[in-house]
Amino acid sequence: MSKEKVIDISTRKTGKIVGICAAAVAAIIVVVSSVSIVPAGCTGVVTTFGKVSDTALNEGLHLKVPFAQRVTTVSNKIQVYQADADAVSKDLQTVNSTIAVNFRIKSASSASIFKNIGSDYENVILMPTVHECMKSVCAKYTAEQLITDRAQVGEEIKAQLVSKVDEYGIEICLLY
């Protein structure tokens, strides 16, 4: 065999090997891009070219359209929101307190919250609502009653808070 034929054959073999390797790498990238894993305690919100789907994915392995869809995880675990709240009592005494609210995002509402509120739902929904409920309830009691009837005041704040944030899909678990 001449040197030219050997070089031509090895160049063709090398070209085929490079082509096969490139196709294999591309196939692996497409397969990996079409799989999404939603961790335990979370739901996955699917966006297709930026448009948010109305349904959320449960935890586990899911298939998606590669490069077109993205799955964003939303935690459905209990989270704590803590705020310093100032209010005025019925007898015009200033009340300074720290309120901690345990809450979670309802799984069925994850897509709606992601679409309409975004990931900053604590500052957009919880913060103003906690402050509003605190001021509203404290205005009904004197400073002395706020101390002696603390449990009742807490329950009333929680009841108001639940009624206001439930429509958004946020569940209040505990208030202290």
C-alpha atoms as a PDB file:
ATOM      1  CA  MET A   1       0.000   0.000   0.000  1.00  0.00           C
ATOM      2  CA  SER A   2       1.138   3.450  -0.736  1.00  0.00           C
ATOM      3  CA  LYS A   3       1.583   6.068   1.955  1.00  0.00           C
ATOM      4  CA  GLU A   4      -1.197   8.193   0.463  1.00  0.00           C
ATOM      5  CA  LYS A   5      -3.774   5.376   0.785  1.00  0.00           C
ATOM      6  CA  VAL A   6      -2.747   4.663   4.401  1.00  0.00           C
ATOM      7  CA  ILE A   7      -3.063   8.333   5.308  1.00  0.00           C
ATOM      8  CA  ASP A   8      -6.422   8.561   3.480  1.00  0.00           C
ATOM      9  CA  ILE A   9      -7.791   5.454   5.263  1.00  0.00           C
ATOM     10  CA  SER A  10      -6.604   6.593   8.693  1.00  0.00           C
ATOM     11  CA  THR A  11      -7.987  10.105   8.056  1.00  0.00           C
ATOM     12  CA  ARG A  12     -11.388   8.600   7.176  1.00  0.00           C
ATOM     13  CA  LYS A  13     -11.311   6.370  10.271  1.00  0.00           C
ATOM     14  CA  THR A  14     -10.343   9.311  12.465  1.00  0.00           C
ATOM     15  CA  GLY A  15     -13.113  11.421  10.929  1.00  0.00           C
ATOM     16  CA  LYS A  16     -15.686   8.681  11.577  1.00  0.00           C
ATOM     17  CA  ILE A  17     -14.500   8.261  15.183  1.00  0.00           C
ATOM     18  CA  VAL A  18     -14.669  12.016  15.807  1.00  0.00           C
ATOM     19  CA  GLY A  19     -18.160  12.140  14.233  1.00  0.00           C
ATOM     20  CA  ILE A  20     -19.377   9.238  16.353  1.00  0.00           C
ATOM     21  CA  CYS A  21     -17.939  10.801  19.518  1.00  0.00           C
ATOM     22  CA  ALA A  22     -19.543  14.170  18.719  1.00  0.00           C
ATOM     23  CA  ALA A  23     -22.921  12.495  18.092  1.00  0.00           C
ATOM     24  CA  ALA A  24     -22.617  10.542  21.372  1.00  0.00           C
ATOM     25  CA  VAL A  25     -21.779  13.712  23.335  1.00  0.00           C
ATOM     26  CA  ALA A  26     -24.715  15.559  21.730  1.00  0.00           C
ATOM     27  CA  ALA A  27     -27.059  12.655  22.553  1.00  0.00           C
ATOM     28  CA  ILE A  28     -25.883  12.618  26.174  1.00  0.00           C
ATOM     29  CA  ILE A  29     -26.428  16.385  26.476  1.00  0.00           C
ATOM     30  CA  VAL A  30     -29.980  16.080  25.081  1.00  0.00           C
ATOM     31  CA  VAL A  31     -30.832  13.175  27.425  1.00  0.00           C
ATOM     32  CA  VAL A  32     -29.451  14.958  30.493  1.00  0.00           C
ATOM     33  CA  SER A  33     -31.269  18.180  29.526  1.00  0.00           C
ATOM     34  CA  SER A  34     -34.592  16.359  29.220  1.00  0.00           C
ATOM     35  CA  VAL A  35     -34.590  15.065  32.813  1.00  0.00           C
ATOM     36  CA  SER A  36     -35.480  17.073  35.900  1.00  0.00           C
ATOM     37  CA  ILE A  37     -35.489  15.961  39.521  1.00  0.00           C
ATOM     38  CA  VAL A  38     -37.779  17.681  42.037  1.00  0.00           C
ATOM     39  CA  PRO A  39     -36.419  17.124  45.564  1.00  0.00           C
ATOM     40  CA  ALA A  40     -38.496  15.891  48.500  1.00  0.00           C
ATOM     41  CA  GLY A  41     -40.606  18.577  50.170  1.00  0.00           C
ATOM     42  CA  CYS A  42     -40.736  20.688  47.017  1.00  0.00           C
ATOM     43  CA  THR A  43     -42.818  21.115  43.909  1.00  0.00           C
ATOM     44  CA  GLY A  44     -41.512  21.943  40.452  1.00  0.00           C
ATOM     45  CA  VAL A  45     -42.900  24.812  38.431  1.00  0.00           C
ATOM     46  CA  VAL A  46     -42.453  24.315  34.691  1.00  0.00           C
ATOM     47  CA  THR A  47     -41.755  27.287  32.442  1.00  0.00           C
ATOM     48  CA  THR A  48     -41.780  26.853  28.662  1.00  0.00           C
ATOM     49  CA  PHE A  49     -39.888  29.685  26.991  1.00  0.00           C
ATOM     50  CA  GLY A  50     -40.772  31.819  30.048  1.00  0.00           C
ATOM     51  CA  LYS A  51     -44.482  30.937  30.170  1.00  0.00           C
ATOM     52  CA  VAL A  52     -45.426  29.438  33.531  1.00  0.00           C
ATOM     53  CA  SER A  53     -47.450  26.234  33.515  1.00  0.00           C
ATOM     54  CA  ASP A  54     -50.626  26.180  35.606  1.00  0.00           C
ATOM     55  CA  THR A  55     -49.751  22.884  37.259  1.00  0.00           C
ATOM     56  CA  ALA A  56     -46.816  21.986  39.469  1.00  0.00           C
ATOM     57  CA  LEU A  57     -44.767  18.791  39.394  1.00  0.00           C
ATOM     58  CA  ASN A  58     -44.621  16.588  42.472  1.00  0.00           C
ATOM     59  CA  GLU A  59     -41.325  15.380  43.887  1.00  0.00           C
ATOM     60  CA  GLY A  60     -39.421  12.832  41.848  1.00  0.00           C
ATOM     61  CA  LEU A  61     -38.029  12.365  38.348  1.00  0.00           C
ATOM     62  CA  HIS A  62     -39.748  14.136  35.439  1.00  0.00           C
ATOM     63  CA  LEU A  63     -39.160  14.527  31.728  1.00  0.00           C
ATOM     64  CA  LYS A  64     -39.113  17.937  30.065  1.00  0.00           C
ATOM     65  CA  VAL A  65     -38.468  19.348  26.621  1.00  0.00           C
ATOM     66  CA  PRO A  66     -34.727  20.012  26.456  1.00  0.00           C
ATOM     67  CA  PHE A  67     -33.657  23.659  26.099  1.00  0.00           C
ATOM     68  CA  ALA A  68     -37.316  24.811  25.915  1.00  0.00           C
ATOM     69  CA  GLN A  69     -38.560  24.013  29.403  1.00  0.00           C
ATOM     70  CA  ARG A  70     -37.083  24.845  32.780  1.00  0.00           C
ATOM     71  CA  VAL A  71     -38.211  23.438  36.139  1.00  0.00           C
ATOM     72  CA  THR A  72     -37.909  25.763  39.143  1.00  0.00           C
ATOM     73  CA  THR A  73     -38.273  24.193  42.587  1.00  0.00           C
ATOM     74  CA  VAL A  74     -40.520  25.802  45.191  1.00  0.00           C
ATOM     75  CA  SER A  75     -40.149  24.642  48.787  1.00  0.00           C
ATOM     76  CA  ASN A  76     -43.295  23.333  50.456  1.00  0.00           C
ATOM     77  CA  LYS A  77     -41.518  22.774  53.761  1.00  0.00           C
ATOM     78  CA  ILE A  78     -42.365  24.774  56.849  1.00  0.00           C
ATOM     79  CA  GLN A  79     -40.452  28.053  56.841  1.00  0.00           C
ATOM     80  CA  VAL A  80     -40.112  30.776  59.468  1.00  0.00           C
ATOM     81  CA  TYR A  81     -40.777  34.447  58.871  1.00  0.00           C
ATOM     82  CA  GLN A  82     -39.707  36.684  61.728  1.00  0.00           C
ATOM     83  CA  ALA A  83     -40.489  40.385  61.943  1.00  0.00           C
ATOM     84  CA  ASP A  84     -40.275  43.246  64.390  1.00  0.00           C
ATOM     85  CA  ALA A  85     -43.720  44.779  64.585  1.00  0.00           C
ATOM     86  CA  ASP A  86     -44.736  48.072  66.145  1.00  0.00           C
ATOM     87  CA  ALA A  87     -48.324  48.888  67.053  1.00  0.00           C
ATOM     88  CA  VAL A  88     -50.367  51.069  69.360  1.00  0.00           C
ATOM     89  CA  SER A  89     -52.661  49.679  72.042  1.00  0.00           C
ATOM     90  CA  LYS A  90     -56.209  50.850  72.813  1.00  0.00           C
ATOM     91  CA  ASP A  91     -54.856  53.128  75.560  1.00  0.00           C
ATOM     92  CA  LEU A  92     -52.310  54.606  73.100  1.00  0.00           C
ATOM     93  CA  GLN A  93     -49.273  52.770  74.463  1.00  0.00           C
ATOM     94  CA  THR A  94     -46.581  51.838  71.934  1.00  0.00           C
ATOM     95  CA  VAL A  95     -46.194  48.083  71.557  1.00  0.00           C
ATOM     96  CA  ASN A  96     -42.898  46.715  70.223  1.00  0.00           C
ATOM     97  CA  SER A  97     -42.737  42.993  69.632  1.00  0.00           C
ATOM     98  CA  THR A  98     -41.094  40.351  67.528  1.00  0.00           C
ATOM     99  CA  ILE A  99     -43.440  37.982  65.746  1.00  0.00           C
ATOM    100  CA  ALA A 100     -42.376  34.646  64.269  1.00  0.00           C
ATOM    101  CA  VAL A 101     -44.719  32.965  61.806  1.00  0.00           C
ATOM    102  CA  ASN A 102     -44.289  29.369  60.695  1.00  0.00           C
ATOM    103  CA  PHE A 103     -45.784  28.966  57.238  1.00  0.00           C
ATOM    104  CA  ARG A 104     -45.596  26.819  54.151  1.00  0.00           C
ATOM    105  CA  ILE A 105     -46.580  27.112  50.509  1.00  0.00           C
ATOM    106  CA  LYS A 106     -49.412  24.764  49.570  1.00  0.00           C
ATOM    107  CA  SER A 107     -48.308  22.357  46.826  1.00  0.00           C
ATOM    108  CA  ALA A 108     -51.325  23.125  44.655  1.00  0.00           C
ATOM    109  CA  SER A 109     -50.566  26.858  44.811  1.00  0.00           C
ATOM    110  CA  SER A 110     -46.850  26.720  43.945  1.00  0.00           C
ATOM    111  CA  ALA A 111     -47.324  27.546  40.263  1.00  0.00           C
ATOM    112  CA  SER A 112     -49.764  30.371  41.002  1.00  0.00           C
ATOM    113  CA  ILE A 113     -47.454  31.941  43.608  1.00  0.00           C
ATOM    114  CA  PHE A 114     -44.452  31.637  41.283  1.00  0.00           C
ATOM    115  CA  LYS A 115     -46.416  33.175  38.405  1.00  0.00           C
ATOM    116  CA  ASN A 116     -48.210  35.998  40.252  1.00  0.00           C
ATOM    117  CA  ILE A 117     -45.909  36.870  43.158  1.00  0.00           C
ATOM    118  CA  GLY A 118     -42.487  35.399  42.457  1.00  0.00           C
ATOM    119  CA  SER A 119     -39.935  34.022  44.855  1.00  0.00           C
ATOM    120  CA  ASP A 120     -40.060  37.057  47.178  1.00  0.00           C
ATOM    121  CA  TYR A 121     -43.490  36.148  48.615  1.00  0.00           C
ATOM    122  CA  GLU A 122     -42.258  36.780  52.185  1.00  0.00           C
ATOM    123  CA  ASN A 123     -41.721  40.491  51.526  1.00  0.00           C
ATOM    124  CA  VAL A 124     -44.612  40.884  49.115  1.00  0.00           C
ATOM    125  CA  ILE A 125     -47.347  39.054  51.065  1.00  0.00           C
ATOM    126  CA  LEU A 126     -46.277  38.034  54.572  1.00  0.00           C
ATOM    127  CA  MET A 127     -44.493  41.172  55.808  1.00  0.00           C
ATOM    128  CA  PRO A 128     -47.294  43.680  55.140  1.00  0.00           C
ATOM    129  CA  THR A 129     -49.983  41.254  56.277  1.00  0.00           C
ATOM    130  CA  VAL A 130     -48.242  40.451  59.576  1.00  0.00           C
ATOM    131  CA  HIS A 131     -47.788  44.157  60.318  1.00  0.00           C
ATOM    132  CA  GLU A 132     -51.384  44.951  59.403  1.00  0.00           C
ATOM    133  CA  CYS A 133     -52.806  42.142  61.570  1.00  0.00           C
ATOM    134  CA  MET A 134     -50.593  43.079  64.509  1.00  0.00           C
ATOM    135  CA  LYS A 135     -51.706  46.728  64.389  1.00  0.00           C
ATOM    136  CA  SER A 136     -55.348  45.806  63.920  1.00  0.00           C
ATOM    137  CA  VAL A 137     -55.509  43.410  66.869  1.00  0.00           C
ATOM    138  CA  CYS A 138     -53.357  45.468  69.271  1.00  0.00           C
ATOM    139  CA  ALA A 139     -55.644  48.473  68.779  1.00  0.00           C
ATOM    140  CA  LYS A 140     -58.491  46.471  70.370  1.00  0.00           C
ATOM    141  CA  TYR A 141     -56.675  45.834  73.672  1.00  0.00           C
ATOM    142  CA  THR A 142     -55.104  47.961  76.379  1.00  0.00           C
ATOM    143  CA  ALA A 143     -51.411  47.495  77.161  1.00  0.00           C
ATOM    144  CA  GLU A 144     -52.306  45.527  80.283  1.00  0.00           C
ATOM    145  CA  GLN A 145     -54.675  43.236  78.357  1.00  0.00           C
ATOM    146  CA  LEU A 146     -52.008  42.602  75.739  1.00  0.00           C
ATOM    147  CA  ILE A 147     -49.818  41.155  78.487  1.00  0.00           C
ATOM    148  CA  THR A 148     -52.468  39.279  80.485  1.00  0.00           C
ATOM    149  CA  ASP A 149     -54.413  37.955  77.496  1.00  0.00           C
ATOM    150  CA  ARG A 150     -51.350  37.185  75.367  1.00  0.00           C
ATOM    151  CA  ALA A 151     -52.620  33.787  74.163  1.00  0.00           C
ATOM    152  CA  GLN A 152     -55.966  35.221  73.064  1.00  0.00           C
ATOM    153  CA  VAL A 153     -54.237  38.114  71.267  1.00  0.00           C
ATOM    154  CA  GLY A 154     -51.945  35.651  69.494  1.00  0.00           C
ATOM    155  CA  GLU A 155     -54.876  33.515  68.370  1.00  0.00           C
ATOM    156  CA  GLU A 156     -56.709  36.561  67.064  1.00  0.00           C
ATOM    157  CA  ILE A 157     -53.637  37.711  65.102  1.00  0.00           C
ATOM    158  CA  LYS A 158     -53.239  34.194  63.707  1.00  0.00           C
ATOM    159  CA  ALA A 159     -56.922  34.005  62.685  1.00  0.00           C
ATOM    160  CA  GLN A 160     -56.684  37.310  60.815  1.00  0.00           C
ATOM    161  CA  LEU A 161     -53.411  36.283  59.206  1.00  0.00           C
ATOM    162  CA  VAL A 162     -54.839  32.943  58.070  1.00  0.00           C
ATOM    163  CA  SER A 163     -57.890  34.603  56.510  1.00  0.00           C
ATOM    164  CA  LYS A 164     -55.725  37.072  54.567  1.00  0.00           C
ATOM    165  CA  VAL A 165     -52.955  34.808  53.204  1.00  0.00           C
ATOM    166  CA  ASP A 166     -54.980  31.651  52.569  1.00  0.00           C
ATOM    167  CA  GLU A 167     -56.278  33.047  49.273  1.00  0.00           C
ATOM    168  CA  TYR A 168     -52.686  33.202  48.000  1.00  0.00           C
ATOM    169  CA  GLY A 169     -51.972  29.568  48.859  1.00  0.00           C
ATOM    170  CA  ILE A 170     -49.896  30.211  51.977  1.00  0.00           C
ATOM    171  CA  GLU A 171     -50.743  28.081  55.003  1.00  0.00           C
ATOM    172  CA  ILE A 172     -50.018  29.494  58.480  1.00  0.00           C
ATOM    173  CA  CYS A 173     -48.849  26.688  60.759  1.00  0.00           C
ATOM    174  CA  LEU A 174     -47.905  28.486  63.968  1.00  0.00           C
ATOM    175  CA  LEU A 175     -47.590  32.018  65.300  1.00  0.00           C
ATOM    176  CA  TYR A 176     -45.443  32.941  68.274  1.00  0.00           C
END
